[in-house]
Amino acid sequence: ILSGVAVLEALVERISSTGETFEDRLIDALDEARRAGGDSRGLQSAALLVLAQDAPPLTLRVDFHEEPVEALRGLLAATRDPAYRAWLNTVPTAQDPFRLPAARGS
């Protein structure tokens, strides 16, 4: 379904770079792969799943969108909102499956 080997080469080159968060590199890699030809049927969906022992799972998905990679980038930006981050710090992780919100005033 990929339009050619250049798609994989673009993806690997971008994901292997440094200087940005892993999540940003993943989305940038999807974008680079799209520009290199992507899916020969056209791109309608994009997804991101990041699992870590010390962080809650991050799972984002956009389906049936004209610009799914940009929409996915917008969802990732929303996860960086301070209110969302505060809530995220209460979500259990693999290392701390019983994590609870910090007591107020602590």
C-alpha atoms as a PDB file:
ATOM      1  CA  ILE A   1       0.000   0.000   0.000  1.00  0.00           C
ATOM      2  CA  LEU A   2       2.983   2.329   0.533  1.00  0.00           C
ATOM      3  CA  SER A   3       3.853   4.251  -2.595  1.00  0.00           C
ATOM      4  CA  GLY A   4       7.497   3.174  -2.388  1.00  0.00           C
ATOM      5  CA  VAL A   5      10.593   2.596  -0.294  1.00  0.00           C
ATOM      6  CA  ALA A   6      11.155   6.367  -0.046  1.00  0.00           C
ATOM      7  CA  VAL A   7       8.243   6.493   2.388  1.00  0.00           C
ATOM      8  CA  LEU A   8      10.016   4.235   4.876  1.00  0.00           C
ATOM      9  CA  GLU A   9      13.333   5.990   4.352  1.00  0.00           C
ATOM     10  CA  ALA A  10      11.761   9.383   5.128  1.00  0.00           C
ATOM     11  CA  LEU A  11      10.027   7.986   8.193  1.00  0.00           C
ATOM     12  CA  VAL A  12      13.179   6.379   9.599  1.00  0.00           C
ATOM     13  CA  GLU A  13      15.335   9.424   8.906  1.00  0.00           C
ATOM     14  CA  ARG A  14      12.958  11.769  10.753  1.00  0.00           C
ATOM     15  CA  ILE A  15      12.259   9.493  13.723  1.00  0.00           C
ATOM     16  CA  SER A  16      16.004   8.973  14.172  1.00  0.00           C
ATOM     17  CA  SER A  17      16.693  12.695  14.467  1.00  0.00           C
ATOM     18  CA  THR A  18      17.153  14.434  17.803  1.00  0.00           C
ATOM     19  CA  GLY A  19      16.215  17.706  19.412  1.00  0.00           C
ATOM     20  CA  GLU A  20      12.461  17.339  19.870  1.00  0.00           C
ATOM     21  CA  THR A  21      10.230  15.205  22.032  1.00  0.00           C
ATOM     22  CA  PHE A  22       9.653  11.641  20.928  1.00  0.00           C
ATOM     23  CA  GLU A  23       5.992  12.412  20.272  1.00  0.00           C
ATOM     24  CA  ASP A  24       6.853  15.372  18.043  1.00  0.00           C
ATOM     25  CA  ARG A  25       9.368  13.281  16.112  1.00  0.00           C
ATOM     26  CA  LEU A  26       6.745  10.572  15.567  1.00  0.00           C
ATOM     27  CA  ILE A  27       4.231  13.031  14.143  1.00  0.00           C
ATOM     28  CA  ASP A  28       6.913  14.740  12.061  1.00  0.00           C
ATOM     29  CA  ALA A  29       7.928  11.301  10.743  1.00  0.00           C
ATOM     30  CA  LEU A  30       4.336  10.627   9.699  1.00  0.00           C
ATOM     31  CA  ASP A  31       4.325  13.966   7.884  1.00  0.00           C
ATOM     32  CA  GLU A  32       7.656  13.255   6.161  1.00  0.00           C
ATOM     33  CA  ALA A  33       6.406   9.831   5.088  1.00  0.00           C
ATOM     34  CA  ARG A  34       3.256  11.448   3.678  1.00  0.00           C
ATOM     35  CA  ARG A  35       5.338  13.948   1.699  1.00  0.00           C
ATOM     36  CA  ALA A  36       7.483  11.096   0.365  1.00  0.00           C
ATOM     37  CA  GLY A  37       4.401   9.466  -1.157  1.00  0.00           C
ATOM     38  CA  GLY A  38       2.699   7.870   1.836  1.00  0.00           C
ATOM     39  CA  ASP A  39      -0.244   5.564   1.251  1.00  0.00           C
ATOM     40  CA  SER A  40      -0.915   5.057  -2.444  1.00  0.00           C
ATOM     41  CA  ARG A  41      -4.665   5.217  -1.701  1.00  0.00           C
ATOM     42  CA  GLY A  42      -4.381   8.642  -0.063  1.00  0.00           C
ATOM     43  CA  LEU A  43      -4.190   9.617   3.582  1.00  0.00           C
ATOM     44  CA  GLN A  44      -7.374   9.862   5.649  1.00  0.00           C
ATOM     45  CA  SER A  45      -6.245   8.782   9.123  1.00  0.00           C
ATOM     46  CA  ALA A  46      -3.329   9.189  11.494  1.00  0.00           C
ATOM     47  CA  ALA A  47      -2.662   7.767  14.949  1.00  0.00           C
ATOM     48  CA  LEU A  48      -0.103   8.041  17.724  1.00  0.00           C
ATOM     49  CA  LEU A  49       0.459   5.591  20.577  1.00  0.00           C
ATOM     50  CA  VAL A  50       3.253   6.173  23.087  1.00  0.00           C
ATOM     51  CA  LEU A  51       3.775   3.748  25.969  1.00  0.00           C
ATOM     52  CA  ALA A  52       6.230   4.298  28.790  1.00  0.00           C
ATOM     53  CA  GLN A  53       6.751   2.701  32.189  1.00  0.00           C
ATOM     54  CA  ASP A  54       6.732   6.051  33.999  1.00  0.00           C
ATOM     55  CA  ALA A  55       3.949   7.879  32.114  1.00  0.00           C
ATOM     56  CA  PRO A  56       0.308   7.227  31.310  1.00  0.00           C
ATOM     57  CA  PRO A  57      -0.349   5.850  27.830  1.00  0.00           C
ATOM     58  CA  LEU A  58      -0.769   8.516  25.176  1.00  0.00           C
ATOM     59  CA  THR A  59      -3.150   7.382  22.464  1.00  0.00           C
ATOM     60  CA  LEU A  60      -4.406   9.814  19.854  1.00  0.00           C
ATOM     61  CA  ARG A  61      -6.272   9.069  16.643  1.00  0.00           C
ATOM     62  CA  VAL A  62      -7.820  11.041  13.783  1.00  0.00           C
ATOM     63  CA  ASP A  63      -9.978   9.292  11.177  1.00  0.00           C
ATOM     64  CA  PHE A  64     -11.581  10.475   7.942  1.00  0.00           C
ATOM     65  CA  HIS A  65      -9.978  13.907   7.945  1.00  0.00           C
ATOM     66  CA  GLU A  66      -8.630  15.939   5.024  1.00  0.00           C
ATOM     67  CA  GLU A  67      -5.426  16.734   6.968  1.00  0.00           C
ATOM     68  CA  PRO A  68      -5.106  13.929   9.553  1.00  0.00           C
ATOM     69  CA  VAL A  69      -1.458  14.540  10.454  1.00  0.00           C
ATOM     70  CA  GLU A  70      -2.098  18.219  11.190  1.00  0.00           C
ATOM     71  CA  ALA A  71      -5.210  17.298  13.187  1.00  0.00           C
ATOM     72  CA  LEU A  72      -3.131  14.773  15.139  1.00  0.00           C
ATOM     73  CA  ARG A  73      -0.549  17.495  15.795  1.00  0.00           C
ATOM     74  CA  GLY A  74      -3.379  19.648  17.195  1.00  0.00           C
ATOM     75  CA  LEU A  75      -4.490  16.853  19.521  1.00  0.00           C
ATOM     76  CA  LEU A  76      -0.935  16.458  20.786  1.00  0.00           C
ATOM     77  CA  ALA A  77      -0.772  20.197  21.454  1.00  0.00           C
ATOM     78  CA  ALA A  78      -3.997  19.933  23.481  1.00  0.00           C
ATOM     79  CA  THR A  79      -2.355  17.314  25.727  1.00  0.00           C
ATOM     80  CA  ARG A  80       0.222  19.944  26.686  1.00  0.00           C
ATOM     81  CA  ASP A  81      -2.372  22.284  28.156  1.00  0.00           C
ATOM     82  CA  PRO A  82      -1.619  22.851  31.872  1.00  0.00           C
ATOM     83  CA  ALA A  83      -5.079  21.670  32.978  1.00  0.00           C
ATOM     84  CA  TYR A  84      -4.721  18.464  30.991  1.00  0.00           C
ATOM     85  CA  ARG A  85      -1.198  17.926  32.328  1.00  0.00           C
ATOM     86  CA  ALA A  86      -2.469  18.347  35.897  1.00  0.00           C
ATOM     87  CA  TRP A  87      -5.086  15.659  35.303  1.00  0.00           C
ATOM     88  CA  LEU A  88      -2.577  13.437  33.497  1.00  0.00           C
ATOM     89  CA  ASN A  89      -0.385  13.447  36.588  1.00  0.00           C
ATOM     90  CA  THR A  90      -3.153  11.554  38.402  1.00  0.00           C
ATOM     91  CA  VAL A  91      -3.466   8.758  35.826  1.00  0.00           C
ATOM     92  CA  PRO A  92      -1.865   5.444  36.870  1.00  0.00           C
ATOM     93  CA  THR A  93       1.287   4.282  35.098  1.00  0.00           C
ATOM     94  CA  ALA A  94       2.926   0.875  34.732  1.00  0.00           C
ATOM     95  CA  GLN A  95       5.424   1.836  37.454  1.00  0.00           C
ATOM     96  CA  ASP A  96       2.752   3.340  39.716  1.00  0.00           C
ATOM     97  CA  PRO A  97      -0.558   1.559  39.034  1.00  0.00           C
ATOM     98  CA  PHE A  98      -2.158   2.977  42.198  1.00  0.00           C
ATOM     99  CA  ARG A  99      -1.136   6.606  41.680  1.00  0.00           C
ATOM    100  CA  LEU A 100      -3.531   9.108  43.202  1.00  0.00           C
ATOM    101  CA  PRO A 101      -3.845  12.872  42.870  1.00  0.00           C
ATOM    102  CA  ALA A 102      -1.540  14.855  45.165  1.00  0.00           C
ATOM    103  CA  ALA A 103      -3.267  16.171  48.249  1.00  0.00           C
ATOM    104  CA  ARG A 104      -4.326  19.809  47.951  1.00  0.00           C
ATOM    105  CA  GLY A 105      -1.872  22.184  49.529  1.00  0.00           C
ATOM    106  CA  SER A 106       1.005  19.666  49.327  1.00  0.00           C
END
